[in-house]
């Protein structure tokens, strides 16, 4: 089990499956690693090196945002020194929520 910190305002988007990726300046794990947050367990399904500008253009929805600008605004508020460096290399961690088997069971 690994630890990846998240801001509280990501709770809803993560628990509803709208946020399935997070970009970080360092690598937090490898595919197959699991982490717990907001009372649920998630599994990393991909960890890749990307440029921040590419994440903003191609992965903003997976990051839980409606536009690239929203993603960059949030990034800038969390990382004020890296705000405008779109060439900054980051680690894109893609994940999925692991549902408890009790919730996956189909009604009889």
C-alpha atoms as a PDB file:
ATOM      1  CA  UNK A   1       0.000   0.000   0.000  1.00  0.00           C
ATOM      2  CA  UNK A   2       1.397   3.392  -1.020  1.00  0.00           C
ATOM      3  CA  UNK A   3       0.398   6.897   0.031  1.00  0.00           C
ATOM      4  CA  UNK A   4      -0.627   9.607  -2.416  1.00  0.00           C
ATOM      5  CA  UNK A   5      -1.983  12.793  -0.818  1.00  0.00           C
ATOM      6  CA  UNK A   6      -5.020  14.535  -2.336  1.00  0.00           C
ATOM      7  CA  UNK A   7      -6.816  17.768  -1.515  1.00  0.00           C
ATOM      8  CA  UNK A   8     -10.268  17.300   0.003  1.00  0.00           C
ATOM      9  CA  UNK A   9     -11.981  18.993  -2.926  1.00  0.00           C
ATOM     10  CA  UNK A  10     -11.081  15.972  -5.109  1.00  0.00           C
ATOM     11  CA  UNK A  11     -13.179  13.592  -2.996  1.00  0.00           C
ATOM     12  CA  UNK A  12     -16.360  13.737  -5.094  1.00  0.00           C
ATOM     13  CA  UNK A  13     -14.621  13.507  -8.477  1.00  0.00           C
ATOM     14  CA  UNK A  14     -12.500  10.573  -7.331  1.00  0.00           C
ATOM     15  CA  UNK A  15     -15.332   8.628  -5.715  1.00  0.00           C
ATOM     16  CA  UNK A  16     -17.564   9.098  -8.772  1.00  0.00           C
ATOM     17  CA  UNK A  17     -14.829   8.063 -11.216  1.00  0.00           C
ATOM     18  CA  UNK A  18     -14.512  11.483 -12.865  1.00  0.00           C
ATOM     19  CA  UNK A  19     -10.924  11.898 -11.658  1.00  0.00           C
ATOM     20  CA  UNK A  20      -8.824   8.942 -12.750  1.00  0.00           C
ATOM     21  CA  UNK A  21      -5.384  10.553 -12.932  1.00  0.00           C
ATOM     22  CA  UNK A  22      -3.080  12.818 -10.972  1.00  0.00           C
ATOM     23  CA  UNK A  23       0.106  14.538 -12.090  1.00  0.00           C
ATOM     24  CA  UNK A  24       2.947  14.873  -9.620  1.00  0.00           C
ATOM     25  CA  UNK A  25       6.485  16.201  -9.696  1.00  0.00           C
ATOM     26  CA  UNK A  26       7.687  12.884  -8.300  1.00  0.00           C
ATOM     27  CA  UNK A  27       6.729   9.290  -8.873  1.00  0.00           C
ATOM     28  CA  UNK A  28       4.560   7.827  -6.102  1.00  0.00           C
ATOM     29  CA  UNK A  29       4.277   4.219  -7.271  1.00  0.00           C
ATOM     30  CA  UNK A  30       4.028   1.675 -10.054  1.00  0.00           C
ATOM     31  CA  UNK A  31       1.125   0.023 -11.881  1.00  0.00           C
ATOM     32  CA  UNK A  32      -0.524  -2.445  -9.537  1.00  0.00           C
ATOM     33  CA  UNK A  33       0.255  -0.443  -6.397  1.00  0.00           C
ATOM     34  CA  UNK A  34      -2.766   0.463  -4.289  1.00  0.00           C
ATOM     35  CA  UNK A  35      -3.579   3.477  -2.129  1.00  0.00           C
ATOM     36  CA  UNK A  36      -6.444   4.430   0.137  1.00  0.00           C
ATOM     37  CA  UNK A  37      -8.106   7.834   0.268  1.00  0.00           C
ATOM     38  CA  UNK A  38     -11.583   9.076   1.153  1.00  0.00           C
ATOM     39  CA  UNK A  39     -12.485   5.666   2.566  1.00  0.00           C
ATOM     40  CA  UNK A  40     -11.883   3.787  -0.697  1.00  0.00           C
ATOM     41  CA  UNK A  41      -9.054   1.802  -2.251  1.00  0.00           C
ATOM     42  CA  UNK A  42      -7.598   2.749  -5.628  1.00  0.00           C
ATOM     43  CA  UNK A  43      -5.130   0.940  -7.878  1.00  0.00           C
ATOM     44  CA  UNK A  44      -2.525   2.540 -10.120  1.00  0.00           C
ATOM     45  CA  UNK A  45      -3.002   1.322 -13.686  1.00  0.00           C
ATOM     46  CA  UNK A  46      -0.370   3.499 -15.347  1.00  0.00           C
ATOM     47  CA  UNK A  47       2.532   5.749 -14.372  1.00  0.00           C
ATOM     48  CA  UNK A  48       4.147   7.703 -17.196  1.00  0.00           C
ATOM     49  CA  UNK A  49       6.466  10.682 -17.615  1.00  0.00           C
ATOM     50  CA  UNK A  50       4.764  13.588 -19.440  1.00  0.00           C
ATOM     51  CA  UNK A  51       5.244  17.315 -19.900  1.00  0.00           C
ATOM     52  CA  UNK A  52       2.849  19.447 -17.859  1.00  0.00           C
ATOM     53  CA  UNK A  53       1.576  21.134 -21.044  1.00  0.00           C
ATOM     54  CA  UNK A  54       0.768  17.762 -22.601  1.00  0.00           C
ATOM     55  CA  UNK A  55      -1.138  16.692 -19.486  1.00  0.00           C
ATOM     56  CA  UNK A  56      -3.121  19.946 -19.631  1.00  0.00           C
ATOM     57  CA  UNK A  57      -4.006  19.386 -23.295  1.00  0.00           C
ATOM     58  CA  UNK A  58      -4.601  15.637 -23.365  1.00  0.00           C
ATOM     59  CA  UNK A  59      -5.452  14.477 -19.829  1.00  0.00           C
ATOM     60  CA  UNK A  60      -7.356  17.367 -18.205  1.00  0.00           C
ATOM     61  CA  UNK A  61     -10.595  15.335 -18.134  1.00  0.00           C
ATOM     62  CA  UNK A  62      -8.876  12.368 -16.464  1.00  0.00           C
ATOM     63  CA  UNK A  63      -7.481  14.883 -13.956  1.00  0.00           C
ATOM     64  CA  UNK A  64     -11.112  15.772 -13.130  1.00  0.00           C
ATOM     65  CA  UNK A  65     -11.405  19.126 -14.929  1.00  0.00           C
ATOM     66  CA  UNK A  66     -13.656  20.442 -17.692  1.00  0.00           C
ATOM     67  CA  UNK A  67     -10.965  22.450 -19.502  1.00  0.00           C
ATOM     68  CA  UNK A  68      -7.176  22.599 -19.752  1.00  0.00           C
ATOM     69  CA  UNK A  69      -7.345  26.064 -18.184  1.00  0.00           C
ATOM     70  CA  UNK A  70      -9.105  24.694 -15.082  1.00  0.00           C
ATOM     71  CA  UNK A  71      -6.397  22.062 -14.715  1.00  0.00           C
ATOM     72  CA  UNK A  72      -3.600  24.642 -15.032  1.00  0.00           C
ATOM     73  CA  UNK A  73      -5.317  26.998 -12.594  1.00  0.00           C
ATOM     74  CA  UNK A  74      -5.513  24.237  -9.998  1.00  0.00           C
ATOM     75  CA  UNK A  75      -1.912  23.171 -10.683  1.00  0.00           C
ATOM     76  CA  UNK A  76      -0.792  26.781 -10.263  1.00  0.00           C
ATOM     77  CA  UNK A  77      -2.545  27.103  -6.917  1.00  0.00           C
ATOM     78  CA  UNK A  78      -0.871  23.927  -5.617  1.00  0.00           C
ATOM     79  CA  UNK A  79       2.540  24.547  -7.261  1.00  0.00           C
ATOM     80  CA  UNK A  80       2.973  28.319  -7.555  1.00  0.00           C
ATOM     81  CA  UNK A  81       6.616  28.125  -8.737  1.00  0.00           C
ATOM     82  CA  UNK A  82       5.801  25.652 -11.551  1.00  0.00           C
ATOM     83  CA  UNK A  83       2.636  27.494 -12.620  1.00  0.00           C
ATOM     84  CA  UNK A  84       3.766  28.651 -16.037  1.00  0.00           C
ATOM     85  CA  UNK A  85       6.365  26.023 -16.903  1.00  0.00           C
ATOM     86  CA  UNK A  86       4.454  23.877 -19.383  1.00  0.00           C
ATOM     87  CA  UNK A  87       7.672  22.000 -20.198  1.00  0.00           C
ATOM     88  CA  UNK A  88       7.977  20.768 -16.609  1.00  0.00           C
ATOM     89  CA  UNK A  89       8.298  16.963 -16.617  1.00  0.00           C
ATOM     90  CA  UNK A  90       5.680  15.363 -14.352  1.00  0.00           C
ATOM     91  CA  UNK A  91       4.567  11.842 -13.500  1.00  0.00           C
ATOM     92  CA  UNK A  92       1.040  11.069 -14.660  1.00  0.00           C
ATOM     93  CA  UNK A  93      -0.448   8.490 -12.273  1.00  0.00           C
ATOM     94  CA  UNK A  94      -3.571   6.863 -13.722  1.00  0.00           C
ATOM     95  CA  UNK A  95      -5.799   4.927 -11.360  1.00  0.00           C
ATOM     96  CA  UNK A  96      -9.096   3.167 -10.882  1.00  0.00           C
ATOM     97  CA  UNK A  97     -11.271   2.693  -7.850  1.00  0.00           C
ATOM     98  CA  UNK A  98     -11.426  -0.862  -6.564  1.00  0.00           C
ATOM     99  CA  UNK A  99     -14.999  -1.769  -5.731  1.00  0.00           C
ATOM    100  CA  UNK A 100     -15.669  -4.080  -2.862  1.00  0.00           C
ATOM    101  CA  UNK A 101     -16.967  -7.479  -4.086  1.00  0.00           C
ATOM    102  CA  UNK A 102     -20.119  -6.953  -2.020  1.00  0.00           C
ATOM    103  CA  UNK A 103     -21.039  -4.007  -4.276  1.00  0.00           C
ATOM    104  CA  UNK A 104     -20.180  -5.833  -7.504  1.00  0.00           C
ATOM    105  CA  UNK A 105     -22.573  -8.702  -6.842  1.00  0.00           C
ATOM    106  CA  UNK A 106     -25.594  -8.671  -9.148  1.00  0.00           C
ATOM    107  CA  UNK A 107     -29.043  -9.058  -7.614  1.00  0.00           C
ATOM    108  CA  UNK A 108     -30.442 -12.575  -7.780  1.00  0.00           C
END
